[in-house]
Amino acid sequence: MHRLDYPARFKHDKKEGGYIITFRDIPEAITQAETMEDCFIEATDCLDEAIVGRIDDNLTVSKPSKPRRSEKIIALPAQTTIKVTL
């Protein structure tokens, strides 16, 4: 099985604290986390929910683009990856 790895931007929120997480390939996938460690957990959950939402709504699921230097890679969970590839 081939993985779907999406680039995510973790932007430090100087005003409120924590981080805002966005995905340029999946614009509706936006979340936040208090610590950098939590960013990966929250980003994975957010990406998964956004992709499942697209599948449920019969919308196109964009392929991941190449990451930019400032982006982190978030792997789509295996179960959702299988749904996308079907």
PDB file of N, CA and C in Angstrom:
ATOM      1  N   MET A   1       0.848  -1.176   0.000  1.00  0.00           N
ATOM      2  CA  MET A   1       0.000   0.000   0.000  1.00  0.00           C
ATOM      3  C   MET A   1       0.892   1.237   0.000  1.00  0.00           C
ATOM      4  N   HIS A   2       0.507   2.193  -0.760  1.00  0.00           N
ATOM      5  CA  HIS A   2       1.300   3.423  -0.849  1.00  0.00           C
ATOM      6  C   HIS A   2       0.711   4.475   0.094  1.00  0.00           C
ATOM      7  N   ARG A   3       1.584   5.238   0.732  1.00  0.00           N
ATOM      8  CA  ARG A   3       1.170   6.236   1.727  1.00  0.00           C
ATOM      9  C   ARG A   3       0.776   7.542   1.055  1.00  0.00           C
ATOM     10  N   LEU A   4      -0.110   8.257   1.723  1.00  0.00           N
ATOM     11  CA  LEU A   4      -0.465   9.608   1.303  1.00  0.00           C
ATOM     12  C   LEU A   4       0.033  10.558   2.390  1.00  0.00           C
ATOM     13  N   ASP A   5       1.081  11.292   2.071  1.00  0.00           N
ATOM     14  CA  ASP A   5       1.710  12.221   3.005  1.00  0.00           C
ATOM     15  C   ASP A   5       1.420  13.650   2.566  1.00  0.00           C
ATOM     16  N   TYR A   6       0.696  14.384   3.395  1.00  0.00           N
ATOM     17  CA  TYR A   6       0.307  15.750   3.067  1.00  0.00           C
ATOM     18  C   TYR A   6       1.175  16.764   3.807  1.00  0.00           C
ATOM     19  N   PRO A   7       1.599  17.825   3.107  1.00  0.00           N
ATOM     20  CA  PRO A   7       2.361  18.874   3.773  1.00  0.00           C
ATOM     21  C   PRO A   7       1.444  19.762   4.618  1.00  0.00           C
ATOM     22  N   ALA A   8       1.906  20.098   5.801  1.00  0.00           N
ATOM     23  CA  ALA A   8       1.143  20.950   6.718  1.00  0.00           C
ATOM     24  C   ALA A   8       2.023  22.095   7.190  1.00  0.00           C
ATOM     25  N   ARG A   9       1.386  23.215   7.438  1.00  0.00           N
ATOM     26  CA  ARG A   9       2.101  24.377   7.969  1.00  0.00           C
ATOM     27  C   ARG A   9       1.722  24.538   9.432  1.00  0.00           C
ATOM     28  N   PHE A  10       2.724  24.611  10.298  1.00  0.00           N
ATOM     29  CA  PHE A  10       2.519  24.843  11.726  1.00  0.00           C
ATOM     30  C   PHE A  10       2.956  26.282  11.993  1.00  0.00           C
ATOM     31  N   LYS A  11       2.011  27.160  12.172  1.00  0.00           N
ATOM     32  CA  LYS A  11       2.327  28.571  12.384  1.00  0.00           C
ATOM     33  C   LYS A  11       2.145  28.913  13.860  1.00  0.00           C
ATOM     34  N   HIS A  12       3.206  29.439  14.463  1.00  0.00           N
ATOM     35  CA  HIS A  12       3.138  29.842  15.867  1.00  0.00           C
ATOM     36  C   HIS A  12       2.198  31.038  15.987  1.00  0.00           C
ATOM     37  N   ASP A  13       1.226  30.941  16.874  1.00  0.00           N
ATOM     38  CA  ASP A  13       0.270  32.025  17.112  1.00  0.00           C
ATOM     39  C   ASP A  13       0.822  32.896  18.237  1.00  0.00           C
ATOM     40  N   LYS A  14       1.481  33.981  17.863  1.00  0.00           N
ATOM     41  CA  LYS A  14       2.144  34.844  18.845  1.00  0.00           C
ATOM     42  C   LYS A  14       1.155  35.512  19.790  1.00  0.00           C
ATOM     43  N   LYS A  15      -0.035  35.792  19.300  1.00  0.00           N
ATOM     44  CA  LYS A  15      -1.029  36.502  20.113  1.00  0.00           C
ATOM     45  C   LYS A  15      -1.691  35.582  21.146  1.00  0.00           C
ATOM     46  N   GLU A  16      -2.136  34.431  20.698  1.00  0.00           N
ATOM     47  CA  GLU A  16      -2.888  33.511  21.557  1.00  0.00           C
ATOM     48  C   GLU A  16      -2.030  32.389  22.144  1.00  0.00           C
ATOM     49  N   GLY A  17      -0.850  32.165  21.567  1.00  0.00           N
ATOM     50  CA  GLY A  17      -0.025  31.039  21.980  1.00  0.00           C
ATOM     51  C   GLY A  17      -0.385  29.791  21.194  1.00  0.00           C
ATOM     52  N   GLY A  18       0.425  28.806  21.251  1.00  0.00           N
ATOM     53  CA  GLY A  18       0.169  27.561  20.534  1.00  0.00           C
ATOM     54  C   GLY A  18       0.468  27.701  19.052  1.00  0.00           C
ATOM     55  N   TYR A  19      -0.132  26.801  18.269  1.00  0.00           N
ATOM     56  CA  TYR A  19       0.128  26.730  16.831  1.00  0.00           C
ATOM     57  C   TYR A  19      -1.179  26.571  16.066  1.00  0.00           C
ATOM     58  N   ILE A  20      -1.212  27.170  14.885  1.00  0.00           N
ATOM     59  CA  ILE A  20      -2.318  26.989  13.945  1.00  0.00           C
ATOM     60  C   ILE A  20      -1.790  26.084  12.836  1.00  0.00           C
ATOM     61  N   ILE A  21      -2.560  25.057  12.500  1.00  0.00           N
ATOM     62  CA  ILE A  21      -2.126  24.050  11.536  1.00  0.00           C
ATOM     63  C   ILE A  21      -3.042  24.104  10.322  1.00  0.00           C
ATOM     64  N   THR A  22      -2.441  24.243   9.135  1.00  0.00           N
ATOM     65  CA  THR A  22      -3.214  24.286   7.899  1.00  0.00           C
ATOM     66  C   THR A  22      -2.581  23.364   6.855  1.00  0.00           C
ATOM     67  N   PHE A  23      -3.404  22.967   5.905  1.00  0.00           N
ATOM     68  CA  PHE A  23      -2.982  22.116   4.786  1.00  0.00           C
ATOM     69  C   PHE A  23      -3.355  22.827   3.495  1.00  0.00           C
ATOM     70  N   ARG A  24      -2.391  23.151   2.660  1.00  0.00           N
ATOM     71  CA  ARG A  24      -2.737  23.869   1.424  1.00  0.00           C
ATOM     72  C   ARG A  24      -3.454  22.995   0.412  1.00  0.00           C
ATOM     73  N   ASP A  25      -3.283  21.672   0.479  1.00  0.00           N
ATOM     74  CA  ASP A  25      -3.981  20.776  -0.441  1.00  0.00           C
ATOM     75  C   ASP A  25      -5.422  20.508  -0.010  1.00  0.00           C
ATOM     76  N   ILE A  26      -5.710  20.690   1.269  1.00  0.00           N
ATOM     77  CA  ILE A  26      -7.042  20.443   1.831  1.00  0.00           C
ATOM     78  C   ILE A  26      -7.397  21.691   2.646  1.00  0.00           C
ATOM     79  N   PRO A  27      -7.873  22.753   1.998  1.00  0.00           N
ATOM     80  CA  PRO A  27      -8.048  24.039   2.691  1.00  0.00           C
ATOM     81  C   PRO A  27      -9.016  24.025   3.869  1.00  0.00           C
ATOM     82  N   GLU A  28      -9.956  23.108   3.882  1.00  0.00           N
ATOM     83  CA  GLU A  28     -10.895  23.066   5.005  1.00  0.00           C
ATOM     84  C   GLU A  28     -10.288  22.419   6.250  1.00  0.00           C
ATOM     85  N   ALA A  29      -9.123  21.822   6.116  1.00  0.00           N
ATOM     86  CA  ALA A  29      -8.450  21.172   7.242  1.00  0.00           C
ATOM     87  C   ALA A  29      -7.618  22.214   7.999  1.00  0.00           C
ATOM     88  N   ILE A  30      -8.193  22.737   9.057  1.00  0.00           N
ATOM     89  CA  ILE A  30      -7.535  23.736   9.902  1.00  0.00           C
ATOM     90  C   ILE A  30      -7.748  23.324  11.351  1.00  0.00           C
ATOM     91  N   THR A  31      -6.681  23.340  12.126  1.00  0.00           N
ATOM     92  CA  THR A  31      -6.797  22.993  13.536  1.00  0.00           C
ATOM     93  C   THR A  31      -5.740  23.758  14.322  1.00  0.00           C
ATOM     94  N   GLN A  32      -5.686  23.501  15.606  1.00  0.00           N
ATOM     95  CA  GLN A  32      -4.688  24.163  16.443  1.00  0.00           C
ATOM     96  C   GLN A  32      -4.209  23.208  17.517  1.00  0.00           C
ATOM     97  N   ALA A  33      -3.048  23.545  18.085  1.00  0.00           N
ATOM     98  CA  ALA A  33      -2.474  22.740  19.164  1.00  0.00           C
ATOM     99  C   ALA A  33      -1.657  23.653  20.062  1.00  0.00           C
ATOM    100  N   GLU A  34      -1.497  23.241  21.302  1.00  0.00           N
ATOM    101  CA  GLU A  34      -0.759  24.050  22.273  1.00  0.00           C
ATOM    102  C   GLU A  34       0.751  23.848  22.171  1.00  0.00           C
ATOM    103  N   THR A  35       1.182  22.626  21.892  1.00  0.00           N
ATOM    104  CA  THR A  35       2.610  22.329  21.832  1.00  0.00           C
ATOM    105  C   THR A  35       2.967  21.730  20.477  1.00  0.00           C
ATOM    106  N   MET A  36       4.247  21.770  20.153  1.00  0.00           N
ATOM    107  CA  MET A  36       4.699  21.180  18.892  1.00  0.00           C
ATOM    108  C   MET A  36       4.416  19.682  18.873  1.00  0.00           C
ATOM    109  N   GLU A  37       4.555  19.013  20.013  1.00  0.00           N
ATOM    110  CA  GLU A  37       4.268  17.577  20.083  1.00  0.00           C
ATOM    111  C   GLU A  37       2.797  17.298  19.757  1.00  0.00           C
ATOM    112  N   ASP A  38       1.917  18.134  20.280  1.00  0.00           N
ATOM    113  CA  ASP A  38       0.484  17.967  20.017  1.00  0.00           C
ATOM    114  C   ASP A  38       0.121  18.303  18.578  1.00  0.00           C
ATOM    115  N   CYS A  39       0.931  19.106  17.914  1.00  0.00           N
ATOM    116  CA  CYS A  39       0.642  19.481  16.525  1.00  0.00           C
ATOM    117  C   CYS A  39       0.497  18.259  15.635  1.00  0.00           C
ATOM    118  N   PHE A  40       1.368  17.289  15.779  1.00  0.00           N
ATOM    119  CA  PHE A  40       1.324  16.115  14.917  1.00  0.00           C
ATOM    120  C   PHE A  40       0.075  15.278  15.170  1.00  0.00           C
ATOM    121  N   ILE A  41      -0.324  15.161  16.410  1.00  0.00           N
ATOM    122  CA  ILE A  41      -1.543  14.414  16.752  1.00  0.00           C
ATOM    123  C   ILE A  41      -2.769  15.128  16.197  1.00  0.00           C
ATOM    124  N   GLU A  42      -2.870  16.420  16.475  1.00  0.00           N
ATOM    125  CA  GLU A  42      -4.020  17.204  16.016  1.00  0.00           C
ATOM    126  C   GLU A  42      -4.065  17.290  14.492  1.00  0.00           C
ATOM    127  N   ALA A  43      -2.907  17.445  13.862  1.00  0.00           N
ATOM    128  CA  ALA A  43      -2.851  17.540  12.403  1.00  0.00           C
ATOM    129  C   ALA A  43      -3.317  16.244  11.745  1.00  0.00           C
ATOM    130  N   THR A  44      -2.886  15.122  12.280  1.00  0.00           N
ATOM    131  CA  THR A  44      -3.292  13.825  11.728  1.00  0.00           C
ATOM    132  C   THR A  44      -4.797  13.639  11.855  1.00  0.00           C
ATOM    133  N   ASP A  45      -5.350  13.952  13.015  1.00  0.00           N
ATOM    134  CA  ASP A  45      -6.787  13.825  13.238  1.00  0.00           C
ATOM    135  C   ASP A  45      -7.575  14.755  12.314  1.00  0.00           C
ATOM    136  N   CYS A  46      -7.132  15.984  12.191  1.00  0.00           N
ATOM    137  CA  CYS A  46      -7.809  16.971  11.351  1.00  0.00           C
ATOM    138  C   CYS A  46      -7.783  16.548   9.877  1.00  0.00           C
ATOM    139  N   LEU A  47      -6.617  16.127   9.403  1.00  0.00           N
ATOM    140  CA  LEU A  47      -6.487  15.681   8.020  1.00  0.00           C
ATOM    141  C   LEU A  47      -7.399  14.495   7.753  1.00  0.00           C
ATOM    142  N   ASP A  48      -7.404  13.540   8.658  1.00  0.00           N
ATOM    143  CA  ASP A  48      -8.247  12.356   8.523  1.00  0.00           C
ATOM    144  C   ASP A  48      -9.724  12.748   8.423  1.00  0.00           C
ATOM    145  N   GLU A  49     -10.183  13.600   9.313  1.00  0.00           N
ATOM    146  CA  GLU A  49     -11.586  14.013   9.299  1.00  0.00           C
ATOM    147  C   GLU A  49     -11.946  14.773   8.028  1.00  0.00           C
ATOM    148  N   ALA A  50     -11.057  15.637   7.558  1.00  0.00           N
ATOM    149  CA  ALA A  50     -11.330  16.408   6.338  1.00  0.00           C
ATOM    150  C   ALA A  50     -11.415  15.497   5.113  1.00  0.00           C
ATOM    151  N   ILE A  51     -10.520  14.525   5.021  1.00  0.00           N
ATOM    152  CA  ILE A  51     -10.531  13.594   3.881  1.00  0.00           C
ATOM    153  C   ILE A  51     -11.771  12.707   3.929  1.00  0.00           C
ATOM    154  N   VAL A  52     -12.112  12.198   5.109  1.00  0.00           N
ATOM    155  CA  VAL A  52     -13.319  11.375   5.243  1.00  0.00           C
ATOM    156  C   VAL A  52     -14.553  12.208   4.873  1.00  0.00           C
ATOM    157  N   GLY A  53     -14.570  13.471   5.268  1.00  0.00           N
ATOM    158  CA  GLY A  53     -15.666  14.356   4.889  1.00  0.00           C
ATOM    159  C   GLY A  53     -15.783  14.499   3.386  1.00  0.00           C
ATOM    160  N   ARG A  54     -14.662  14.630   2.715  1.00  0.00           N
ATOM    161  CA  ARG A  54     -14.686  14.718   1.258  1.00  0.00           C
ATOM    162  C   ARG A  54     -15.208  13.428   0.632  1.00  0.00           C
ATOM    163  N   ILE A  55     -14.780  12.301   1.161  1.00  0.00           N
ATOM    164  CA  ILE A  55     -15.257  11.013   0.645  1.00  0.00           C
ATOM    165  C   ILE A  55     -16.766  10.904   0.845  1.00  0.00           C
ATOM    166  N   ASP A  56     -17.254  11.222   2.042  1.00  0.00           N
ATOM    167  CA  ASP A  56     -18.693  11.145   2.341  1.00  0.00           C
ATOM    168  C   ASP A  56     -19.517  12.066   1.448  1.00  0.00           C
ATOM    169  N   ASP A  57     -18.938  13.219   1.069  1.00  0.00           N
ATOM    170  CA  ASP A  57     -19.647  14.188   0.230  1.00  0.00           C
ATOM    171  C   ASP A  57     -19.393  13.976  -1.258  1.00  0.00           C
ATOM    172  N   ASN A  58     -18.740  12.873  -1.595  1.00  0.00           N
ATOM    173  CA  ASN A  58     -18.403  12.552  -2.988  1.00  0.00           C
ATOM    174  C   ASN A  58     -17.616  13.660  -3.671  1.00  0.00           C
ATOM    175  N   LEU A  59     -16.703  14.271  -2.940  1.00  0.00           N
ATOM    176  CA  LEU A  59     -15.832  15.310  -3.480  1.00  0.00           C
ATOM    177  C   LEU A  59     -14.468  14.723  -3.816  1.00  0.00           C
ATOM    178  N   THR A  60     -13.762  15.392  -4.664  1.00  0.00           N
ATOM    179  CA  THR A  60     -12.420  14.962  -5.044  1.00  0.00           C
ATOM    180  C   THR A  60     -11.466  15.088  -3.864  1.00  0.00           C
ATOM    181  N   VAL A  61     -10.611  14.109  -3.729  1.00  0.00           N
ATOM    182  CA  VAL A  61      -9.555  14.162  -2.716  1.00  0.00           C
ATOM    183  C   VAL A  61      -8.263  14.501  -3.451  1.00  0.00           C
ATOM    184  N   SER A  62      -7.730  15.674  -3.177  1.00  0.00           N
ATOM    185  CA  SER A  62      -6.510  16.133  -3.837  1.00  0.00           C
ATOM    186  C   SER A  62      -5.330  15.250  -3.473  1.00  0.00           C
ATOM    187  N   LYS A  63      -4.469  15.022  -4.447  1.00  0.00           N
ATOM    188  CA  LYS A  63      -3.228  14.311  -4.165  1.00  0.00           C
ATOM    189  C   LYS A  63      -2.308  15.261  -3.417  1.00  0.00           C
ATOM    190  N   PRO A  64      -1.459  14.726  -2.561  1.00  0.00           N
ATOM    191  CA  PRO A  64      -0.536  15.587  -1.817  1.00  0.00           C
ATOM    192  C   PRO A  64       0.475  16.257  -2.757  1.00  0.00           C
ATOM    193  N   SER A  65       0.743  17.510  -2.497  1.00  0.00           N
ATOM    194  CA  SER A  65       1.756  18.214  -3.271  1.00  0.00           C
ATOM    195  C   SER A  65       3.120  18.031  -2.594  1.00  0.00           C
ATOM    196  N   LYS A  66       4.160  18.460  -3.267  1.00  0.00           N
ATOM    197  CA  LYS A  66       5.498  18.366  -2.690  1.00  0.00           C
ATOM    198  C   LYS A  66       5.602  19.352  -1.536  1.00  0.00           C
ATOM    199  N   PRO A  67       6.201  18.920  -0.442  1.00  0.00           N
ATOM    200  CA  PRO A  67       6.325  19.827   0.708  1.00  0.00           C
ATOM    201  C   PRO A  67       7.322  20.950   0.452  1.00  0.00           C
ATOM    202  N   ARG A  68       7.033  22.081   1.050  1.00  0.00           N
ATOM    203  CA  ARG A  68       7.967  23.208   1.043  1.00  0.00           C
ATOM    204  C   ARG A  68       8.854  23.079   2.275  1.00  0.00           C
ATOM    205  N   ARG A  69       9.953  23.813   2.286  1.00  0.00           N
ATOM    206  CA  ARG A  69      10.899  23.716   3.402  1.00  0.00           C
ATOM    207  C   ARG A  69      10.265  23.970   4.760  1.00  0.00           C
ATOM    208  N   SER A  70       9.325  24.883   4.806  1.00  0.00           N
ATOM    209  CA  SER A  70       8.732  25.269   6.091  1.00  0.00           C
ATOM    210  C   SER A  70       7.602  24.341   6.540  1.00  0.00           C
ATOM    211  N   GLU A  71       7.280  23.341   5.744  1.00  0.00           N
ATOM    212  CA  GLU A  71       6.150  22.464   6.059  1.00  0.00           C
ATOM    213  C   GLU A  71       6.592  21.148   6.687  1.00  0.00           C
ATOM    214  N   LYS A  72       5.688  20.569   7.455  1.00  0.00           N
ATOM    215  CA  LYS A  72       5.882  19.251   8.064  1.00  0.00           C
ATOM    216  C   LYS A  72       5.030  18.251   7.282  1.00  0.00           C
ATOM    217  N   ILE A  73       5.444  17.009   7.272  1.00  0.00           N
ATOM    218  CA  ILE A  73       4.704  15.962   6.571  1.00  0.00           C
ATOM    219  C   ILE A  73       3.776  15.244   7.551  1.00  0.00           C
ATOM    220  N   ILE A  74       2.508  15.123   7.159  1.00  0.00           N
ATOM    221  CA  ILE A  74       1.520  14.405   7.954  1.00  0.00           C
ATOM    222  C   ILE A  74       1.004  13.238   7.112  1.00  0.00           C
ATOM    223  N   ALA A  75       1.158  12.037   7.617  1.00  0.00           N
ATOM    224  CA  ALA A  75       0.703  10.844   6.903  1.00  0.00           C
ATOM    225  C   ALA A  75      -0.775  10.607   7.182  1.00  0.00           C
ATOM    226  N   LEU A  76      -1.526  10.392   6.131  1.00  0.00           N
ATOM    227  CA  LEU A  76      -2.931  10.030   6.275  1.00  0.00           C
ATOM    228  C   LEU A  76      -2.996   8.626   6.873  1.00  0.00           C
ATOM    229  N   PRO A  77      -3.850   8.397   7.887  1.00  0.00           N
ATOM    230  CA  PRO A  77      -3.940   7.062   8.477  1.00  0.00           C
ATOM    231  C   PRO A  77      -4.244   5.990   7.422  1.00  0.00           C
ATOM    232  N   ALA A  78      -3.731   4.793   7.645  1.00  0.00           N
ATOM    233  CA  ALA A  78      -3.842   3.700   6.673  1.00  0.00           C
ATOM    234  C   ALA A  78      -5.282   3.400   6.266  1.00  0.00           C
ATOM    235  N   GLN A  79      -6.196   3.363   7.225  1.00  0.00           N
ATOM    236  CA  GLN A  79      -7.595   3.031   6.906  1.00  0.00           C
ATOM    237  C   GLN A  79      -8.192   4.068   5.937  1.00  0.00           C
ATOM    238  N   THR A  80      -7.895   5.329   6.137  1.00  0.00           N
ATOM    239  CA  THR A  80      -8.416   6.364   5.249  1.00  0.00           C
ATOM    240  C   THR A  80      -7.705   6.337   3.913  1.00  0.00           C
ATOM    241  N   THR A  81      -6.418   6.019   3.904  1.00  0.00           N
ATOM    242  CA  THR A  81      -5.680   5.888   2.654  1.00  0.00           C
ATOM    243  C   THR A  81      -6.314   4.820   1.777  1.00  0.00           C
ATOM    244  N   ILE A  82      -6.710   3.715   2.382  1.00  0.00           N
ATOM    245  CA  ILE A  82      -7.371   2.637   1.628  1.00  0.00           C
ATOM    246  C   ILE A  82      -8.678   3.140   1.033  1.00  0.00           C
ATOM    247  N   LYS A  83      -9.462   3.894   1.809  1.00  0.00           N
ATOM    248  CA  LYS A  83     -10.718   4.440   1.294  1.00  0.00           C
ATOM    249  C   LYS A  83     -10.476   5.365   0.102  1.00  0.00           C
ATOM    250  N   VAL A  84      -9.443   6.178   0.183  1.00  0.00           N
ATOM    251  CA  VAL A  84      -9.134   7.117  -0.905  1.00  0.00           C
ATOM    252  C   VAL A  84      -8.758   6.351  -2.173  1.00  0.00           C
ATOM    253  N   THR A  85      -7.967   5.306  -2.030  1.00  0.00           N
ATOM    254  CA  THR A  85      -7.490   4.582  -3.196  1.00  0.00           C
ATOM    255  C   THR A  85      -8.557   3.688  -3.826  1.00  0.00           C
ATOM    256  N   LEU A  86      -9.636   3.418  -3.107  1.00  0.00           N
ATOM    257  CA  LEU A  86     -10.723   2.626  -3.685  1.00  0.00           C
ATOM    258  C   LEU A  86     -11.564   3.552  -4.504  1.00  0.00           C
TER     259      LEU A  86
END
